Amino acid sequence: MTATQHSIEVARAAARAASDKLAQDLIALDVSDRLAITDIFFIASAPTERQVNAIVDGIEDELHKFDMRPVRREGRSGGRWVLLDYADIVVHVQHEEDRIFYALERLYADCPVVDLQLPESDPSVKQDAAQGVDAG
């Protein structure tokens, strides 16, 4: 099983919004073969709690344009690791220190990377994921 085209498009919209808010190391992993509950984990990070929350606001605003609201939201008050569950895609915006510590990419290293179709010159794209597979 692979991520649906809808999930891929939602991840790309989230990536554009996160990039606009200067998120760092954007990556989307197709976890559909490993998890029955979602298709894609979208992960982004920021150096401060304030920026984590700004990125979350940007993603929520962008996905709201597609009439999408998270079915669950966690971690907003702390601003260290905010999770937005949109069912088909789960968004993780983490403080850069927490991202290193929890290393979600390492836990799901065997999952394909979704091409977010951001410009190659975009500094927010995770460098080792720049050669990711096109999942759509």
C-alpha atoms as a PDB file:
ATOM      1  CA  MET A   1       0.000   0.000   0.000  1.00  0.00           C
ATOM      2  CA  THR A   2       1.175   3.547  -0.691  1.00  0.00           C
ATOM      3  CA  ALA A   3      -0.056   6.952   0.351  1.00  0.00           C
ATOM      4  CA  THR A   4      -3.082   8.244  -1.525  1.00  0.00           C
ATOM      5  CA  GLN A   5      -2.752  11.125  -3.948  1.00  0.00           C
ATOM      6  CA  HIS A   6      -4.968  13.192  -1.617  1.00  0.00           C
ATOM      7  CA  SER A   7      -2.576  12.591   1.292  1.00  0.00           C
ATOM      8  CA  ILE A   8       0.383  13.575  -0.857  1.00  0.00           C
ATOM      9  CA  GLU A   9      -1.318  16.808  -1.927  1.00  0.00           C
ATOM     10  CA  VAL A  10      -2.160  17.654   1.704  1.00  0.00           C
ATOM     11  CA  ALA A  11       1.476  17.034   2.692  1.00  0.00           C
ATOM     12  CA  ARG A  12       2.650  19.318  -0.108  1.00  0.00           C
ATOM     13  CA  ALA A  13       0.248  22.069   1.016  1.00  0.00           C
ATOM     14  CA  ALA A  14       1.510  21.688   4.594  1.00  0.00           C
ATOM     15  CA  ALA A  15       5.097  21.863   3.338  1.00  0.00           C
ATOM     16  CA  ARG A  16       4.462  25.078   1.411  1.00  0.00           C
ATOM     17  CA  ALA A  17       2.865  26.655   4.486  1.00  0.00           C
ATOM     18  CA  ALA A  18       5.694  25.489   6.769  1.00  0.00           C
ATOM     19  CA  SER A  19       8.303  26.752   4.324  1.00  0.00           C
ATOM     20  CA  ASP A  20       6.590  30.153   4.244  1.00  0.00           C
ATOM     21  CA  LYS A  21       7.048  30.304   8.038  1.00  0.00           C
ATOM     22  CA  LEU A  22      10.751  29.394   7.715  1.00  0.00           C
ATOM     23  CA  ALA A  23      10.464  25.861   9.041  1.00  0.00           C
ATOM     24  CA  GLN A  24      13.614  23.760   8.872  1.00  0.00           C
ATOM     25  CA  ASP A  25      14.344  20.250   7.610  1.00  0.00           C
ATOM     26  CA  LEU A  26      10.964  19.501   6.041  1.00  0.00           C
ATOM     27  CA  ILE A  27      10.343  15.870   5.237  1.00  0.00           C
ATOM     28  CA  ALA A  28       7.312  13.721   4.507  1.00  0.00           C
ATOM     29  CA  LEU A  29       7.465   9.972   5.032  1.00  0.00           C
ATOM     30  CA  ASP A  30       5.034   7.512   3.485  1.00  0.00           C
ATOM     31  CA  VAL A  31       4.221   5.391   6.548  1.00  0.00           C
ATOM     32  CA  SER A  32       1.165   3.710   5.016  1.00  0.00           C
ATOM     33  CA  ASP A  33       2.852   0.285   4.883  1.00  0.00           C
ATOM     34  CA  ARG A  34       3.867   0.480   8.558  1.00  0.00           C
ATOM     35  CA  LEU A  35       0.836   2.183  10.101  1.00  0.00           C
ATOM     36  CA  ALA A  36      -2.827   1.500   9.446  1.00  0.00           C
ATOM     37  CA  ILE A  37      -3.933   4.806  10.967  1.00  0.00           C
ATOM     38  CA  THR A  38      -2.327   7.297   8.569  1.00  0.00           C
ATOM     39  CA  ASP A  39      -0.571   7.605   5.221  1.00  0.00           C
ATOM     40  CA  ILE A  40       2.064  10.282   5.800  1.00  0.00           C
ATOM     41  CA  PHE A  41       4.118  11.714   8.633  1.00  0.00           C
ATOM     42  CA  PHE A  42       5.085  15.297   7.793  1.00  0.00           C
ATOM     43  CA  ILE A  43       7.915  16.559   9.998  1.00  0.00           C
ATOM     44  CA  ALA A  44       9.305  20.073  10.362  1.00  0.00           C
ATOM     45  CA  SER A  45      11.342  21.856  12.991  1.00  0.00           C
ATOM     46  CA  ALA A  46      12.204  25.298  14.309  1.00  0.00           C
ATOM     47  CA  PRO A  47      14.762  26.739  16.729  1.00  0.00           C
ATOM     48  CA  THR A  48      12.239  28.356  19.125  1.00  0.00           C
ATOM     49  CA  GLU A  49       8.865  27.552  20.679  1.00  0.00           C
ATOM     50  CA  ARG A  50       7.419  30.750  19.208  1.00  0.00           C
ATOM     51  CA  GLN A  51       8.422  29.697  15.690  1.00  0.00           C
ATOM     52  CA  VAL A  52       7.060  26.169  16.233  1.00  0.00           C
ATOM     53  CA  ASN A  53       3.684  27.730  17.022  1.00  0.00           C
ATOM     54  CA  ALA A  54       3.897  30.112  14.051  1.00  0.00           C
ATOM     55  CA  ILE A  55       4.550  27.163  11.720  1.00  0.00           C
ATOM     56  CA  VAL A  56       1.597  25.280  13.218  1.00  0.00           C
ATOM     57  CA  ASP A  57      -0.622  28.345  12.698  1.00  0.00           C
ATOM     58  CA  GLY A  58       0.511  28.595   9.077  1.00  0.00           C
ATOM     59  CA  ILE A  59      -0.184  24.929   8.384  1.00  0.00           C
ATOM     60  CA  GLU A  60      -3.603  25.054  10.034  1.00  0.00           C
ATOM     61  CA  ASP A  61      -4.524  28.220   8.108  1.00  0.00           C
ATOM     62  CA  GLU A  62      -3.448  26.680   4.797  1.00  0.00           C
ATOM     63  CA  LEU A  63      -5.249  23.381   5.316  1.00  0.00           C
ATOM     64  CA  HIS A  64      -8.337  25.232   6.539  1.00  0.00           C
ATOM     65  CA  LYS A  65      -8.569  26.661   2.984  1.00  0.00           C
ATOM     66  CA  PHE A  66      -9.166  23.055   1.871  1.00  0.00           C
ATOM     67  CA  ASP A  67     -11.871  22.735   4.555  1.00  0.00           C
ATOM     68  CA  MET A  68      -9.591  20.540   6.635  1.00  0.00           C
ATOM     69  CA  ARG A  69      -9.348  20.708  10.401  1.00  0.00           C
ATOM     70  CA  PRO A  70      -7.245  18.465  12.613  1.00  0.00           C
ATOM     71  CA  VAL A  71      -9.182  15.682  14.332  1.00  0.00           C
ATOM     72  CA  ARG A  72      -6.669  15.959  17.161  1.00  0.00           C
ATOM     73  CA  ARG A  73      -4.112  18.534  18.249  1.00  0.00           C
ATOM     74  CA  GLU A  74      -1.502  17.975  20.958  1.00  0.00           C
ATOM     75  CA  GLY A  75       1.400  19.934  22.437  1.00  0.00           C
ATOM     76  CA  ARG A  76       0.325  23.416  21.407  1.00  0.00           C
ATOM     77  CA  SER A  77       0.741  24.978  24.861  1.00  0.00           C
ATOM     78  CA  GLY A  78       4.351  23.838  25.226  1.00  0.00           C
ATOM     79  CA  GLY A  79       5.486  24.714  21.716  1.00  0.00           C
ATOM     80  CA  ARG A  80       8.119  21.981  21.784  1.00  0.00           C
ATOM     81  CA  TRP A  81       6.391  19.268  19.755  1.00  0.00           C
ATOM     82  CA  VAL A  82       3.018  19.998  18.225  1.00  0.00           C
ATOM     83  CA  LEU A  83       1.111  17.170  16.588  1.00  0.00           C
ATOM     84  CA  LEU A  84      -1.748  17.851  14.170  1.00  0.00           C
ATOM     85  CA  ASP A  85      -3.696  14.738  13.207  1.00  0.00           C
ATOM     86  CA  TYR A  86      -5.571  15.122   9.928  1.00  0.00           C
ATOM     87  CA  ALA A  87      -6.264  11.363   9.730  1.00  0.00           C
ATOM     88  CA  ASP A  88      -4.571  10.814   6.339  1.00  0.00           C
ATOM     89  CA  ILE A  89      -1.551  12.876   7.361  1.00  0.00           C
ATOM     90  CA  VAL A  90      -0.038  13.532  10.768  1.00  0.00           C
ATOM     91  CA  VAL A  91       1.941  16.756  11.081  1.00  0.00           C
ATOM     92  CA  HIS A  92       4.797  16.923  13.590  1.00  0.00           C
ATOM     93  CA  VAL A  93       6.343  20.342  14.203  1.00  0.00           C
ATOM     94  CA  GLN A  94       9.174  20.020  16.679  1.00  0.00           C
ATOM     95  CA  HIS A  95      11.663  22.240  18.418  1.00  0.00           C
ATOM     96  CA  GLU A  96      14.988  21.337  16.784  1.00  0.00           C
ATOM     97  CA  GLU A  97      16.359  19.904  20.065  1.00  0.00           C
ATOM     98  CA  ASP A  98      13.352  17.591  20.482  1.00  0.00           C
ATOM     99  CA  ARG A  99      13.582  16.535  16.878  1.00  0.00           C
ATOM    100  CA  ILE A 100      17.158  15.390  17.363  1.00  0.00           C
ATOM    101  CA  PHE A 101      16.310  13.625  20.620  1.00  0.00           C
ATOM    102  CA  TYR A 102      13.209  11.743  19.389  1.00  0.00           C
ATOM    103  CA  ALA A 103      14.551  11.108  15.852  1.00  0.00           C
ATOM    104  CA  LEU A 104      11.307  10.133  14.117  1.00  0.00           C
ATOM    105  CA  GLU A 105      13.129   9.859  10.806  1.00  0.00           C
ATOM    106  CA  ARG A 106      15.368   7.181  12.264  1.00  0.00           C
ATOM    107  CA  LEU A 107      12.374   5.214  13.572  1.00  0.00           C
ATOM    108  CA  TYR A 108      10.813   5.282  10.106  1.00  0.00           C
ATOM    109  CA  ALA A 109      14.013   5.165   8.062  1.00  0.00           C
ATOM    110  CA  ASP A 110      12.689   2.291   5.952  1.00  0.00           C
ATOM    111  CA  CYS A 111       9.696   4.348   4.757  1.00  0.00           C
ATOM    112  CA  PRO A 112       9.827   6.120   1.393  1.00  0.00           C
ATOM    113  CA  VAL A 113      10.275   9.891   1.336  1.00  0.00           C
ATOM    114  CA  VAL A 114       7.480  11.791  -0.397  1.00  0.00           C
ATOM    115  CA  ASP A 115       8.566  14.410  -2.936  1.00  0.00           C
ATOM    116  CA  LEU A 116       7.191  17.665  -1.508  1.00  0.00           C
ATOM    117  CA  GLN A 117       7.837  19.458  -4.811  1.00  0.00           C
ATOM    118  CA  LEU A 118       9.448  22.446  -3.156  1.00  0.00           C
ATOM    119  CA  PRO A 119      12.101  24.285  -5.148  1.00  0.00           C
ATOM    120  CA  GLU A 120      15.519  22.644  -4.840  1.00  0.00           C
ATOM    121  CA  SER A 121      16.866  25.973  -3.683  1.00  0.00           C
ATOM    122  CA  ASP A 122      14.409  26.051  -0.758  1.00  0.00           C
ATOM    123  CA  PRO A 123      16.592  25.976   2.378  1.00  0.00           C
ATOM    124  CA  SER A 124      13.822  24.373   4.460  1.00  0.00           C
ATOM    125  CA  VAL A 125      14.003  20.983   2.732  1.00  0.00           C
ATOM    126  CA  LYS A 126      15.889  18.302   4.666  1.00  0.00           C
ATOM    127  CA  GLN A 127      19.160  17.896   2.818  1.00  0.00           C
ATOM    128  CA  ASP A 128      19.451  14.097   2.914  1.00  0.00           C
ATOM    129  CA  ALA A 129      15.841  13.840   1.771  1.00  0.00           C
ATOM    130  CA  ALA A 130      16.359  16.035  -1.269  1.00  0.00           C
ATOM    131  CA  GLN A 131      16.901  12.897  -3.308  1.00  0.00           C
ATOM    132  CA  GLY A 132      13.609  11.372  -2.054  1.00  0.00           C
ATOM    133  CA  VAL A 133      11.363   9.199  -4.163  1.00  0.00           C
ATOM    134  CA  ASP A 134       8.389  10.715  -5.939  1.00  0.00           C
ATOM    135  CA  ALA A 135       5.365   9.186  -4.298  1.00  0.00           C
ATOM    136  CA  GLY A 136       2.932  10.875  -6.596  1.00  0.00           C
END
